[in-house]
N, C-alpha and C. Protein backbone atom coordinates (compact mmCIF):
# COMPACT_ATOMS: atom_id res chain seq x y z
N UNK A 1 17.61 0.83 -1.43
CA UNK A 1 17.01 -0.25 -1.33
C UNK A 1 15.52 -0.42 -2.39
N UNK A 2 14.88 -1.98 -2.11
CA UNK A 2 13.50 -2.01 -2.49
C UNK A 2 12.78 -2.37 -1.59
N UNK A 3 11.38 -3.03 -1.76
CA UNK A 3 10.01 -3.53 -0.72
C UNK A 3 9.74 -3.95 -2.09
N UNK A 4 8.50 -5.03 -1.12
CA UNK A 4 7.18 -4.99 -1.44
C UNK A 4 5.90 -4.95 -0.69
N UNK A 5 5.11 -4.32 -1.95
CA UNK A 5 3.71 -4.45 -0.46
C UNK A 5 3.01 -4.98 -1.26
N UNK A 6 2.04 -5.78 0.09
CA UNK A 6 1.22 -6.23 -0.78
C UNK A 6 -0.16 -6.07 0.15
N UNK A 7 -0.61 -6.17 -0.36
CA UNK A 7 -2.75 -6.10 -0.34
C UNK A 7 -3.52 -6.83 -0.81
N UNK A 8 -3.90 -7.52 0.29
CA UNK A 8 -4.26 -8.51 0.80
C UNK A 8 -5.77 -8.67 1.95
N UNK A 9 -7.20 -9.47 1.53
CA UNK A 9 -7.40 -9.97 2.79
C UNK A 9 -7.56 -11.10 2.89
N UNK A 10 -7.86 -11.41 3.98
CA UNK A 10 -8.34 -12.92 4.09
C UNK A 10 -9.36 -14.24 3.24
N UNK A 11 -10.45 -13.27 2.00
CA UNK A 11 -11.04 -13.29 1.39
C UNK A 11 -10.61 -13.79 0.03
N UNK A 12 -9.52 -13.26 -0.61
CA UNK A 12 -8.77 -12.87 -1.41
C UNK A 12 -7.30 -12.91 -1.61
N UNK A 13 -7.01 -13.41 -2.54
CA UNK A 13 -5.19 -14.01 -2.75
C UNK A 13 -4.39 -12.38 -3.57
N UNK A 14 -3.64 -12.94 -2.69
CA UNK A 14 -2.82 -11.03 -3.50
C UNK A 14 -3.10 -11.47 -4.33
N UNK A 15 -2.86 -9.83 -5.34
CA UNK A 15 -3.24 -10.05 -6.30
C UNK A 15 -2.13 -8.72 -7.24
N UNK A 16 -1.93 -8.75 -8.24
CA UNK A 16 -0.17 -7.71 -9.11
C UNK A 16 -1.14 -6.21 -9.13
N UNK A 17 -0.74 -5.20 -8.99
CA UNK A 17 -1.53 -4.21 -9.53
C UNK A 17 -0.70 -2.43 -9.27
N UNK A 18 -1.81 -1.71 -8.63
CA UNK A 18 -1.36 -0.68 -8.17
C UNK A 18 -1.99 0.00 -7.21
N UNK A 19 -1.28 1.04 -6.80
CA UNK A 19 -2.38 1.01 -4.72
C UNK A 19 -1.29 2.85 -5.02
N UNK A 20 -1.83 3.19 -4.28
CA UNK A 20 -3.63 3.42 -3.77
C UNK A 20 -4.70 3.83 -5.02
N UNK A 21 -3.44 4.55 -6.70
CA UNK A 21 -4.16 4.57 -7.27
C UNK A 21 -4.84 3.92 -8.78
N UNK A 22 -6.13 3.33 -8.88
CA UNK A 22 -5.78 2.07 -10.19
C UNK A 22 -5.51 3.01 -11.12
N UNK A 23 -4.11 1.86 -11.42
CA UNK A 23 -3.81 2.26 -13.20
C UNK A 23 -2.73 2.78 -12.56
N UNK A 24 -2.51 3.95 -11.64
CA UNK A 24 -1.01 5.55 -11.51
C UNK A 24 -0.10 4.61 -10.62
N UNK A 25 -0.71 4.03 -9.79
CA UNK A 25 0.26 4.16 -8.28
C UNK A 25 0.27 4.94 -7.34
N UNK A 26 1.42 5.82 -7.50
CA UNK A 26 3.45 4.95 -7.39
C UNK A 26 3.00 3.97 -6.48
N UNK A 27 2.66 3.18 -5.91
CA UNK A 27 3.47 1.55 -5.72
C UNK A 27 3.33 0.25 -6.22
N UNK A 28 3.63 -0.48 -6.42
CA UNK A 28 3.47 -1.85 -6.89
C UNK A 28 2.54 -2.62 -6.13
N UNK A 29 1.95 -3.58 -6.77
CA UNK A 29 1.99 -4.60 -5.84
C UNK A 29 2.53 -5.80 -6.70
N UNK A 30 3.23 -6.97 -5.30
CA UNK A 30 3.59 -8.01 -6.20
C UNK A 30 4.81 -7.51 -6.88
N UNK A 31 5.31 -6.41 -5.81
CA UNK A 31 6.90 -6.44 -6.97
C UNK A 31 7.82 -5.22 -5.60
N UNK A 32 9.12 -5.95 -6.19
CA UNK A 32 10.16 -5.41 -5.89
C UNK A 32 10.09 -4.06 -6.53
N UNK A 33 9.92 -2.39 -5.76
CA UNK A 33 10.66 -1.31 -6.25
C UNK A 33 11.27 0.00 -5.51
N UNK A 34 11.70 0.22 -5.98
CA UNK A 34 12.69 1.59 -5.46
C UNK A 34 11.88 2.96 -4.13
N UNK A 35 10.78 3.20 -5.04
CA UNK A 35 9.81 3.79 -4.40
C UNK A 35 8.53 2.79 -3.62
N UNK A 36 8.13 1.70 -3.55
CA UNK A 36 8.62 1.50 -2.48
C UNK A 36 8.72 0.90 -1.16
N UNK A 37 10.44 1.10 -1.39
CA UNK A 37 10.94 0.90 -0.61
C UNK A 37 11.14 2.61 -0.22
N UNK A 38 11.31 3.82 -0.86
CA UNK A 38 10.52 5.17 -0.13
C UNK A 38 8.83 5.78 0.60
N UNK A 39 7.65 4.16 0.43
CA UNK A 39 7.67 4.74 0.97
C UNK A 39 6.83 4.07 1.81
N UNK A 40 8.04 2.84 2.03
CA UNK A 40 7.44 2.48 3.34
C UNK A 40 8.60 3.15 5.06
N UNK A 41 9.56 3.70 4.05
CA UNK A 41 9.78 4.84 4.49
C UNK A 41 9.49 5.58 5.75
N UNK A 42 8.48 6.55 4.29
CA UNK A 42 7.64 7.30 4.86
C UNK A 42 6.42 6.72 5.63
N UNK A 43 5.78 5.95 6.23
CA UNK A 43 4.93 5.34 7.09
C UNK A 43 6.17 4.52 8.08
N UNK A 44 6.75 5.34 8.29
CA UNK A 44 7.76 4.53 9.58
C UNK A 44 7.18 6.40 10.67
N UNK A 45 7.58 7.35 9.09
CA UNK A 45 7.04 8.53 10.14
C UNK A 45 5.86 8.83 9.98
N UNK A 46 5.06 7.99 9.73
CA UNK A 46 3.71 8.08 9.03
C UNK A 46 3.20 7.47 10.60
N UNK A 47 3.33 6.47 10.88
CA UNK A 47 2.70 5.31 12.62
C UNK A 47 3.50 6.04 13.36
N UNK A 48 4.43 6.64 13.38
CA UNK A 48 4.84 7.61 15.19
C UNK A 48 4.48 8.80 15.33
N UNK A 49 3.95 9.47 14.10
CA UNK A 49 3.63 10.85 14.05
C UNK A 49 1.76 11.13 13.98
N UNK A 50 2.12 9.81 13.43
CA UNK A 50 -0.13 10.27 12.97
C UNK A 50 -1.00 9.03 13.36
N UNK A 51 -0.16 7.64 13.20
CA UNK A 51 -1.44 6.36 14.04
C UNK A 51 -0.64 6.73 15.58
N UNK A 52 0.10 6.61 16.65
CA UNK A 52 0.23 6.74 17.86
C UNK A 52 -0.85 8.47 18.06
N UNK A 53 -0.56 8.97 17.69
CA UNK A 53 -1.22 9.87 17.97
C UNK A 53 -3.05 10.51 18.11
N UNK A 54 -3.27 8.79 16.89
CA UNK A 54 -5.52 8.42 17.43
C UNK A 54 -5.42 9.17 16.66
N UNK A 55 -4.25 9.65 15.18
CA UNK A 55 -5.72 10.46 13.63
C UNK A 55 -5.30 9.46 12.94
N UNK A 56 -6.04 9.40 12.33
CA UNK A 56 -6.77 8.40 11.51
C UNK A 56 -5.83 8.95 9.83
N UNK A 57 -5.16 7.78 9.03
CA UNK A 57 -5.53 7.85 7.85
C UNK A 57 -6.61 7.76 6.83
N UNK A 58 -6.26 8.87 5.64
CA UNK A 58 -7.49 9.58 4.63
C UNK A 58 -7.00 7.95 3.79
N UNK A 59 -7.72 6.63 4.38
CA UNK A 59 -7.76 5.70 3.39
C UNK A 59 -8.81 5.13 3.38
N UNK A 60 -9.13 4.16 2.95
CA UNK A 60 -10.54 2.79 2.79
C UNK A 60 -10.29 2.09 3.73
N UNK A 61 -10.85 1.49 4.21
CA UNK A 61 -10.18 -0.06 5.01
C UNK A 61 -10.01 -0.84 4.84
N UNK A 62 -10.89 -1.76 3.28
CA UNK A 62 -11.88 -2.07 2.87
C UNK A 62 -10.68 -2.46 1.73
N UNK A 63 -10.24 -3.64 1.16
CA UNK A 63 -9.28 -3.84 0.30
C UNK A 63 -11.20 -3.66 -0.89
N UNK A 64 -9.59 -3.03 -1.95
CA UNK A 64 -11.02 -2.19 -3.04
C UNK A 64 -10.30 -3.55 -4.58
N UNK A 65 -10.64 -4.14 -5.53
CA UNK A 65 -10.27 -4.33 -6.70
C UNK A 65 -9.87 -3.69 -7.32
N UNK A 66 -10.41 -2.13 -7.72
CA UNK A 66 -9.75 -1.34 -8.82
C UNK A 66 -7.88 -1.16 -8.86
N UNK A 67 -7.77 -1.63 -9.45
CA UNK A 67 -6.67 -1.49 -9.44
C UNK A 67 -5.42 -2.82 -9.93
N UNK A 68 -6.13 -3.54 -9.77
CA UNK A 68 -5.63 -4.80 -9.57
C UNK A 68 -5.59 -5.63 -10.43
N UNK A 69 -3.90 -6.88 -10.16
CA UNK A 69 -5.39 -7.71 -12.09
C UNK A 69 -5.18 -8.73 -12.05
N UNK A 70 -6.66 -9.49 -11.64
CA UNK A 70 -6.71 -10.22 -11.54
C UNK A 70 -7.20 -10.72 -12.50
């Protein structure tokens, strides 16, 4: 399977690039990839076993421009 990852906010249009590590990824923004699909499947576990238990993710909630192809 494949999935698409979109990182956006209401001030900035979605941009292509890499997430969460700028230039490295492993996820590609605005592209259908198998890695994005595996990330989606992994996030399902994180949602049910981490977020719903009240734990926080160690990710910044703000959209960063690093790694984006503007």
